[in-house]
N, C-alpha and C. Protein backbone atom coordinates (compact mmCIF):
# COMPACT_ATOMS: atom_id res chain seq x y z
N MET A 1 -34.38 40.01 -1.95
CA MET A 1 -33.30 39.07 -1.74
C MET A 1 -33.88 37.67 -1.71
N SER A 2 -33.25 36.75 -2.41
CA SER A 2 -33.76 35.39 -2.50
C SER A 2 -32.98 34.49 -1.55
N GLU A 3 -33.37 34.45 -0.30
CA GLU A 3 -32.71 33.62 0.69
C GLU A 3 -33.32 32.24 0.72
N ILE A 4 -32.51 31.24 0.98
CA ILE A 4 -32.98 29.87 1.11
C ILE A 4 -32.90 29.52 2.58
N PHE A 5 -33.98 29.02 3.13
CA PHE A 5 -34.01 28.69 4.54
C PHE A 5 -33.97 27.18 4.72
N ILE A 6 -33.19 26.74 5.69
CA ILE A 6 -33.16 25.34 6.08
C ILE A 6 -33.86 25.26 7.42
N GLY A 7 -34.79 24.35 7.55
CA GLY A 7 -35.50 24.20 8.81
C GLY A 7 -36.30 25.45 9.14
N GLN A 8 -36.90 26.05 8.13
CA GLN A 8 -37.64 27.29 8.33
C GLN A 8 -38.83 27.08 9.26
N ASP A 9 -38.94 27.95 10.21
CA ASP A 9 -40.06 27.95 11.15
C ASP A 9 -40.76 29.28 10.96
N ALA A 10 -41.97 29.26 10.41
CA ALA A 10 -42.70 30.49 10.11
C ALA A 10 -42.91 31.33 11.36
N ALA A 11 -43.07 30.69 12.52
CA ALA A 11 -43.31 31.43 13.76
C ALA A 11 -42.02 32.06 14.29
N ASN A 12 -40.85 31.43 14.02
CA ASN A 12 -39.57 31.94 14.53
C ASN A 12 -38.53 31.96 13.41
N PRO A 13 -38.66 32.86 12.44
CA PRO A 13 -37.70 32.86 11.32
C PRO A 13 -36.27 33.15 11.74
N GLU A 14 -36.07 33.84 12.90
CA GLU A 14 -34.71 34.12 13.33
C GLU A 14 -33.98 32.87 13.79
N GLN A 15 -34.69 31.77 14.03
CA GLN A 15 -34.06 30.52 14.43
C GLN A 15 -33.73 29.65 13.23
N SER A 16 -34.08 30.08 12.05
CA SER A 16 -33.79 29.33 10.84
C SER A 16 -32.35 29.57 10.41
N THR A 17 -31.79 28.62 9.68
CA THR A 17 -30.46 28.78 9.12
C THR A 17 -30.60 29.33 7.72
N VAL A 18 -29.95 30.45 7.45
CA VAL A 18 -30.04 31.09 6.14
C VAL A 18 -28.80 30.76 5.34
N LEU A 19 -29.00 30.24 4.12
CA LEU A 19 -27.89 29.99 3.22
C LEU A 19 -27.56 31.29 2.51
N PRO A 20 -26.28 31.65 2.40
CA PRO A 20 -25.92 32.91 1.77
C PRO A 20 -26.23 32.91 0.29
N ASP A 21 -26.52 34.09 -0.24
CA ASP A 21 -26.85 34.17 -1.66
C ASP A 21 -25.94 35.11 -2.43
N THR A 22 -24.95 35.72 -1.79
CA THR A 22 -24.01 36.57 -2.51
C THR A 22 -22.62 35.93 -2.49
N PRO A 23 -21.79 36.23 -3.48
CA PRO A 23 -20.44 35.65 -3.50
C PRO A 23 -19.63 36.01 -2.24
N GLU A 24 -19.81 37.21 -1.73
CA GLU A 24 -19.08 37.62 -0.53
C GLU A 24 -19.48 36.76 0.66
N GLN A 25 -20.78 36.50 0.81
CA GLN A 25 -21.24 35.67 1.92
C GLN A 25 -20.77 34.24 1.75
N LYS A 26 -20.78 33.74 0.52
CA LYS A 26 -20.31 32.38 0.27
C LYS A 26 -18.83 32.24 0.57
N ALA A 27 -18.04 33.25 0.23
CA ALA A 27 -16.60 33.20 0.47
C ALA A 27 -16.28 33.11 1.96
N LYS A 28 -17.13 33.68 2.79
CA LYS A 28 -16.91 33.64 4.23
C LYS A 28 -17.11 32.23 4.79
N GLN A 29 -17.72 31.35 4.02
CA GLN A 29 -17.95 29.99 4.48
C GLN A 29 -16.78 29.06 4.18
N LEU A 30 -15.77 29.53 3.45
CA LEU A 30 -14.62 28.69 3.16
C LEU A 30 -13.83 28.45 4.44
N PRO A 31 -13.36 27.22 4.64
CA PRO A 31 -12.56 26.95 5.84
C PRO A 31 -11.19 27.61 5.73
N ILE A 32 -10.65 27.98 6.86
CA ILE A 32 -9.29 28.51 6.93
C ILE A 32 -8.39 27.33 7.28
N PRO A 33 -7.43 27.02 6.39
CA PRO A 33 -6.58 25.85 6.67
C PRO A 33 -5.73 26.07 7.91
N SER A 34 -5.58 25.03 8.69
CA SER A 34 -4.77 25.11 9.91
C SER A 34 -3.45 24.39 9.69
N GLY A 35 -2.48 24.74 10.51
CA GLY A 35 -1.19 24.05 10.48
C GLY A 35 -0.53 24.09 9.12
N PHE A 36 -0.12 22.91 8.66
CA PHE A 36 0.62 22.79 7.40
C PHE A 36 -0.29 22.40 6.23
N HIS A 37 -1.57 22.70 6.34
CA HIS A 37 -2.52 22.33 5.29
C HIS A 37 -2.74 23.46 4.29
N ILE A 38 -3.14 23.07 3.08
CA ILE A 38 -3.40 24.00 1.99
C ILE A 38 -4.83 23.80 1.52
N LEU A 39 -5.60 24.88 1.41
CA LEU A 39 -6.95 24.81 0.87
C LEU A 39 -6.87 25.05 -0.63
N CYS A 40 -7.40 24.11 -1.41
CA CYS A 40 -7.38 24.20 -2.87
C CYS A 40 -8.79 24.01 -3.40
N VAL A 41 -9.04 24.54 -4.58
CA VAL A 41 -10.30 24.30 -5.27
C VAL A 41 -9.99 23.51 -6.54
N VAL A 42 -10.91 22.62 -6.87
CA VAL A 42 -10.77 21.83 -8.09
C VAL A 42 -11.26 22.69 -9.26
N PRO A 43 -10.43 22.90 -10.27
CA PRO A 43 -10.88 23.68 -11.43
C PRO A 43 -12.09 23.03 -12.10
N GLU A 44 -12.93 23.84 -12.69
CA GLU A 44 -14.12 23.30 -13.37
C GLU A 44 -13.71 22.43 -14.54
N VAL A 45 -14.40 21.33 -14.69
CA VAL A 45 -14.14 20.38 -15.77
C VAL A 45 -14.88 20.83 -17.02
N ASP A 46 -14.21 20.72 -18.17
CA ASP A 46 -14.87 21.06 -19.43
C ASP A 46 -16.08 20.17 -19.64
N GLY A 47 -17.16 20.74 -20.16
CA GLY A 47 -18.39 20.00 -20.36
C GLY A 47 -18.42 19.19 -21.65
N ALA A 48 -17.41 19.38 -22.51
CA ALA A 48 -17.40 18.67 -23.78
C ALA A 48 -15.97 18.30 -24.14
N TYR A 49 -15.85 17.28 -25.00
CA TYR A 49 -14.55 16.90 -25.53
C TYR A 49 -14.14 17.89 -26.61
N GLU A 50 -12.88 17.83 -27.04
CA GLU A 50 -12.41 18.72 -28.10
C GLU A 50 -13.23 18.55 -29.38
N SER A 51 -13.77 17.36 -29.60
CA SER A 51 -14.57 17.09 -30.80
C SER A 51 -15.94 17.75 -30.74
N GLY A 52 -16.33 18.23 -29.52
CA GLY A 52 -17.63 18.87 -29.38
C GLY A 52 -18.68 17.98 -28.74
N ILE A 53 -18.36 16.70 -28.57
CA ILE A 53 -19.30 15.78 -27.95
C ILE A 53 -19.41 16.12 -26.46
N VAL A 54 -20.64 16.22 -25.97
CA VAL A 54 -20.88 16.57 -24.58
C VAL A 54 -20.52 15.38 -23.69
N LYS A 55 -19.82 15.67 -22.58
CA LYS A 55 -19.44 14.62 -21.64
C LYS A 55 -20.62 14.24 -20.76
N ALA A 56 -20.69 12.96 -20.42
CA ALA A 56 -21.71 12.49 -19.49
C ALA A 56 -21.40 13.03 -18.10
N ASP A 57 -22.42 13.20 -17.27
CA ASP A 57 -22.22 13.70 -15.91
C ASP A 57 -21.26 12.83 -15.12
N ILE A 58 -21.34 11.53 -15.28
CA ILE A 58 -20.46 10.62 -14.53
C ILE A 58 -19.01 10.80 -14.97
N THR A 59 -18.79 11.08 -16.24
CA THR A 59 -17.44 11.34 -16.75
C THR A 59 -16.87 12.59 -16.11
N LYS A 60 -17.68 13.64 -16.05
CA LYS A 60 -17.22 14.89 -15.42
C LYS A 60 -16.93 14.67 -13.94
N THR A 61 -17.75 13.85 -13.27
CA THR A 61 -17.54 13.55 -11.86
C THR A 61 -16.20 12.83 -11.66
N TYR A 62 -15.92 11.82 -12.48
CA TYR A 62 -14.66 11.09 -12.37
C TYR A 62 -13.46 12.01 -12.64
N GLU A 63 -13.58 12.85 -13.66
CA GLU A 63 -12.48 13.76 -13.97
C GLU A 63 -12.23 14.73 -12.81
N GLU A 64 -13.30 15.18 -12.18
CA GLU A 64 -13.17 16.09 -11.04
C GLU A 64 -12.52 15.38 -9.85
N ARG A 65 -12.97 14.18 -9.56
CA ARG A 65 -12.43 13.43 -8.42
C ARG A 65 -10.98 13.04 -8.60
N LEU A 66 -10.61 12.67 -9.82
CA LEU A 66 -9.28 12.15 -10.08
C LEU A 66 -8.33 13.20 -10.67
N THR A 67 -8.69 14.46 -10.58
CA THR A 67 -7.86 15.50 -11.15
C THR A 67 -6.49 15.55 -10.49
N THR A 68 -5.50 15.96 -11.24
CA THR A 68 -4.16 16.13 -10.71
C THR A 68 -3.78 17.59 -10.59
N VAL A 69 -4.70 18.49 -10.98
CA VAL A 69 -4.44 19.92 -10.93
C VAL A 69 -5.41 20.57 -9.94
N LEU A 70 -4.88 21.37 -9.03
CA LEU A 70 -5.69 22.12 -8.07
C LEU A 70 -5.25 23.58 -8.07
N PHE A 71 -6.16 24.46 -7.67
CA PHE A 71 -5.86 25.88 -7.55
C PHE A 71 -5.73 26.23 -6.07
N VAL A 72 -4.63 26.82 -5.67
CA VAL A 72 -4.36 27.13 -4.26
C VAL A 72 -5.16 28.37 -3.84
N VAL A 73 -6.04 28.18 -2.85
CA VAL A 73 -6.86 29.26 -2.33
C VAL A 73 -6.20 29.90 -1.12
N ALA A 74 -5.69 29.07 -0.19
CA ALA A 74 -5.08 29.60 1.03
C ALA A 74 -4.10 28.58 1.61
N LEU A 75 -3.07 29.09 2.28
CA LEU A 75 -2.09 28.24 2.96
C LEU A 75 -2.24 28.42 4.46
N GLY A 76 -2.09 27.31 5.18
CA GLY A 76 -2.12 27.36 6.64
C GLY A 76 -0.90 28.10 7.17
N PRO A 77 -0.95 28.52 8.43
CA PRO A 77 0.14 29.33 9.00
C PRO A 77 1.48 28.60 9.12
N ASP A 78 1.48 27.28 9.12
CA ASP A 78 2.72 26.53 9.28
C ASP A 78 3.25 25.93 7.98
N CYS A 79 2.63 26.24 6.85
CA CYS A 79 3.08 25.69 5.57
C CYS A 79 4.51 26.11 5.27
N TYR A 80 5.31 25.12 4.95
CA TYR A 80 6.69 25.31 4.50
C TYR A 80 7.58 26.04 5.51
N LYS A 81 7.25 25.96 6.79
CA LYS A 81 8.06 26.61 7.82
C LYS A 81 9.24 25.74 8.28
N ASP A 82 9.12 24.43 8.07
CA ASP A 82 10.17 23.50 8.50
C ASP A 82 11.33 23.57 7.49
N LEU A 83 12.42 24.24 7.87
CA LEU A 83 13.54 24.45 6.96
C LEU A 83 14.32 23.18 6.66
N THR A 84 14.19 22.15 7.51
CA THR A 84 14.87 20.89 7.21
C THR A 84 14.13 20.13 6.11
N ARG A 85 12.82 20.25 6.07
CA ARG A 85 12.02 19.57 5.03
C ARG A 85 11.93 20.41 3.77
N PHE A 86 11.97 21.73 3.91
CA PHE A 86 11.80 22.62 2.76
C PHE A 86 12.95 23.64 2.73
N PRO A 87 14.20 23.17 2.52
CA PRO A 87 15.35 24.08 2.58
C PRO A 87 15.34 25.18 1.52
N SER A 88 14.65 24.94 0.41
CA SER A 88 14.61 25.95 -0.65
C SER A 88 13.39 26.86 -0.53
N GLY A 89 12.60 26.69 0.53
CA GLY A 89 11.44 27.55 0.74
C GLY A 89 10.14 26.91 0.28
N ALA A 90 9.13 27.73 0.17
CA ALA A 90 7.78 27.26 -0.18
C ALA A 90 7.75 26.67 -1.59
N TRP A 91 6.97 25.62 -1.73
CA TRP A 91 6.82 24.97 -3.03
C TRP A 91 5.73 25.62 -3.87
N CYS A 92 4.82 26.35 -3.22
CA CYS A 92 3.75 27.03 -3.95
C CYS A 92 3.27 28.21 -3.11
N LYS A 93 2.40 29.03 -3.72
CA LYS A 93 1.82 30.16 -3.02
C LYS A 93 0.35 30.29 -3.42
N GLN A 94 -0.36 31.14 -2.72
CA GLN A 94 -1.77 31.39 -3.03
C GLN A 94 -1.87 31.87 -4.47
N GLY A 95 -2.82 31.31 -5.22
CA GLY A 95 -3.02 31.69 -6.61
C GLY A 95 -2.32 30.80 -7.62
N ASP A 96 -1.52 29.83 -7.16
CA ASP A 96 -0.83 28.90 -8.06
C ASP A 96 -1.73 27.74 -8.44
N PHE A 97 -1.49 27.18 -9.62
CA PHE A 97 -2.05 25.89 -9.98
C PHE A 97 -0.98 24.87 -9.64
N VAL A 98 -1.34 23.86 -8.88
CA VAL A 98 -0.36 22.86 -8.44
C VAL A 98 -0.75 21.48 -8.94
N LEU A 99 0.27 20.64 -9.07
CA LEU A 99 0.07 19.25 -9.44
C LEU A 99 0.13 18.40 -8.18
N VAL A 100 -0.83 17.51 -8.03
CA VAL A 100 -0.88 16.58 -6.90
C VAL A 100 -1.25 15.21 -7.45
N ARG A 101 -1.16 14.20 -6.61
CA ARG A 101 -1.60 12.86 -7.03
C ARG A 101 -3.12 12.80 -7.02
N PRO A 102 -3.70 11.95 -7.87
CA PRO A 102 -5.17 11.79 -7.85
C PRO A 102 -5.63 11.36 -6.45
N ASN A 103 -6.78 11.82 -6.06
CA ASN A 103 -7.40 11.51 -4.76
C ASN A 103 -6.65 12.08 -3.57
N THR A 104 -5.77 13.03 -3.78
CA THR A 104 -5.02 13.63 -2.68
C THR A 104 -5.91 14.52 -1.84
N GLY A 105 -5.75 14.45 -0.54
CA GLY A 105 -6.40 15.38 0.37
C GLY A 105 -7.80 15.00 0.80
N SER A 106 -8.32 15.86 1.67
CA SER A 106 -9.69 15.71 2.15
C SER A 106 -10.62 16.46 1.20
N ARG A 107 -11.61 15.76 0.69
CA ARG A 107 -12.54 16.36 -0.27
C ARG A 107 -13.74 16.94 0.46
N LEU A 108 -14.18 18.13 0.04
CA LEU A 108 -15.41 18.69 0.57
C LEU A 108 -16.05 19.55 -0.51
N LYS A 109 -17.38 19.64 -0.45
CA LYS A 109 -18.11 20.47 -1.40
C LYS A 109 -18.72 21.63 -0.66
N ILE A 110 -18.56 22.81 -1.22
CA ILE A 110 -19.16 24.02 -0.67
C ILE A 110 -19.86 24.71 -1.84
N HIS A 111 -21.18 24.84 -1.73
CA HIS A 111 -21.99 25.44 -2.79
C HIS A 111 -21.69 24.81 -4.15
N ASN A 112 -21.67 23.48 -4.17
CA ASN A 112 -21.49 22.66 -5.37
C ASN A 112 -20.13 22.81 -6.03
N ARG A 113 -19.14 23.34 -5.34
CA ARG A 113 -17.76 23.38 -5.83
C ARG A 113 -16.93 22.46 -4.95
N GLU A 114 -16.08 21.64 -5.58
CA GLU A 114 -15.25 20.74 -4.80
C GLU A 114 -13.96 21.44 -4.38
N PHE A 115 -13.65 21.31 -3.09
CA PHE A 115 -12.42 21.82 -2.51
C PHE A 115 -11.64 20.65 -1.95
N ARG A 116 -10.34 20.83 -1.80
CA ARG A 116 -9.48 19.84 -1.17
C ARG A 116 -8.60 20.53 -0.14
N ILE A 117 -8.37 19.84 0.95
CA ILE A 117 -7.38 20.29 1.92
C ILE A 117 -6.26 19.28 1.84
N VAL A 118 -5.08 19.73 1.40
CA VAL A 118 -3.93 18.85 1.19
C VAL A 118 -2.78 19.27 2.10
N ASN A 119 -1.86 18.36 2.35
CA ASN A 119 -0.66 18.66 3.12
C ASN A 119 0.31 19.45 2.25
N ASP A 120 1.15 20.26 2.88
CA ASP A 120 2.09 21.08 2.11
C ASP A 120 3.07 20.24 1.29
N ASP A 121 3.40 19.04 1.77
CA ASP A 121 4.35 18.20 1.03
C ASP A 121 3.67 17.36 -0.06
N ALA A 122 2.36 17.52 -0.25
CA ALA A 122 1.64 16.79 -1.31
C ALA A 122 1.81 17.46 -2.66
N VAL A 123 2.28 18.69 -2.67
CA VAL A 123 2.47 19.43 -3.93
C VAL A 123 3.66 18.84 -4.67
N GLU A 124 3.42 18.44 -5.91
CA GLU A 124 4.49 17.82 -6.70
C GLU A 124 5.03 18.75 -7.78
N GLY A 125 4.36 19.86 -8.00
CA GLY A 125 4.83 20.82 -8.99
C GLY A 125 3.84 21.97 -9.13
N VAL A 126 4.31 23.03 -9.76
CA VAL A 126 3.48 24.20 -10.04
C VAL A 126 3.43 24.37 -11.55
N VAL A 127 2.26 24.67 -12.08
CA VAL A 127 2.12 24.91 -13.52
C VAL A 127 1.51 26.28 -13.73
N GLU A 128 1.96 26.94 -14.78
CA GLU A 128 1.45 28.27 -15.08
C GLU A 128 0.07 28.20 -15.72
N ASP A 129 -0.10 27.26 -16.65
CA ASP A 129 -1.38 27.13 -17.36
C ASP A 129 -1.81 25.66 -17.32
N PRO A 130 -2.85 25.33 -16.55
CA PRO A 130 -3.24 23.93 -16.41
C PRO A 130 -4.06 23.36 -17.57
N ARG A 131 -4.44 24.21 -18.51
CA ARG A 131 -5.26 23.70 -19.63
C ARG A 131 -4.46 22.66 -20.40
N GLY A 132 -5.11 21.59 -20.72
CA GLY A 132 -4.46 20.53 -21.47
C GLY A 132 -3.83 19.46 -20.59
N ILE A 133 -3.72 19.70 -19.29
CA ILE A 133 -3.15 18.70 -18.40
C ILE A 133 -4.27 17.78 -17.94
N SER A 134 -4.05 16.48 -18.10
CA SER A 134 -5.03 15.51 -17.64
C SER A 134 -4.28 14.31 -17.08
N ARG A 135 -5.01 13.52 -16.34
CA ARG A 135 -4.43 12.32 -15.74
C ARG A 135 -4.21 11.27 -16.82
N ALA A 136 -3.05 10.64 -16.81
CA ALA A 136 -2.73 9.64 -17.84
C ALA A 136 -3.28 8.29 -17.45
């Protein structure tokens, strides 16, 4: 097993922090959204333009930061419970691709993947296939 240790102490390895190396262990590190918050992941940005030209790293970073499409990973326990604000019910569910405004939510990176925690009312729409959608 290829474990990565942070602050490794050869004399006391049990006091070291071990970074997980399996997908199951990594998934356990995802935060559970509280209240009316939604945990989303930013879809991976294409590495090249349609013409085949490879995108610069900074271009991919900007596209990732300013994306308007997110994938819903989990909903907090209070999402869409307020019937006065959401009389028609939930605006999205786990597994949906949703449209939000650029820079929406709290950004965090977990194992080099960007996640966002957004409010339930930040969802502006649901799309079946996000390919081809970009910020204007």
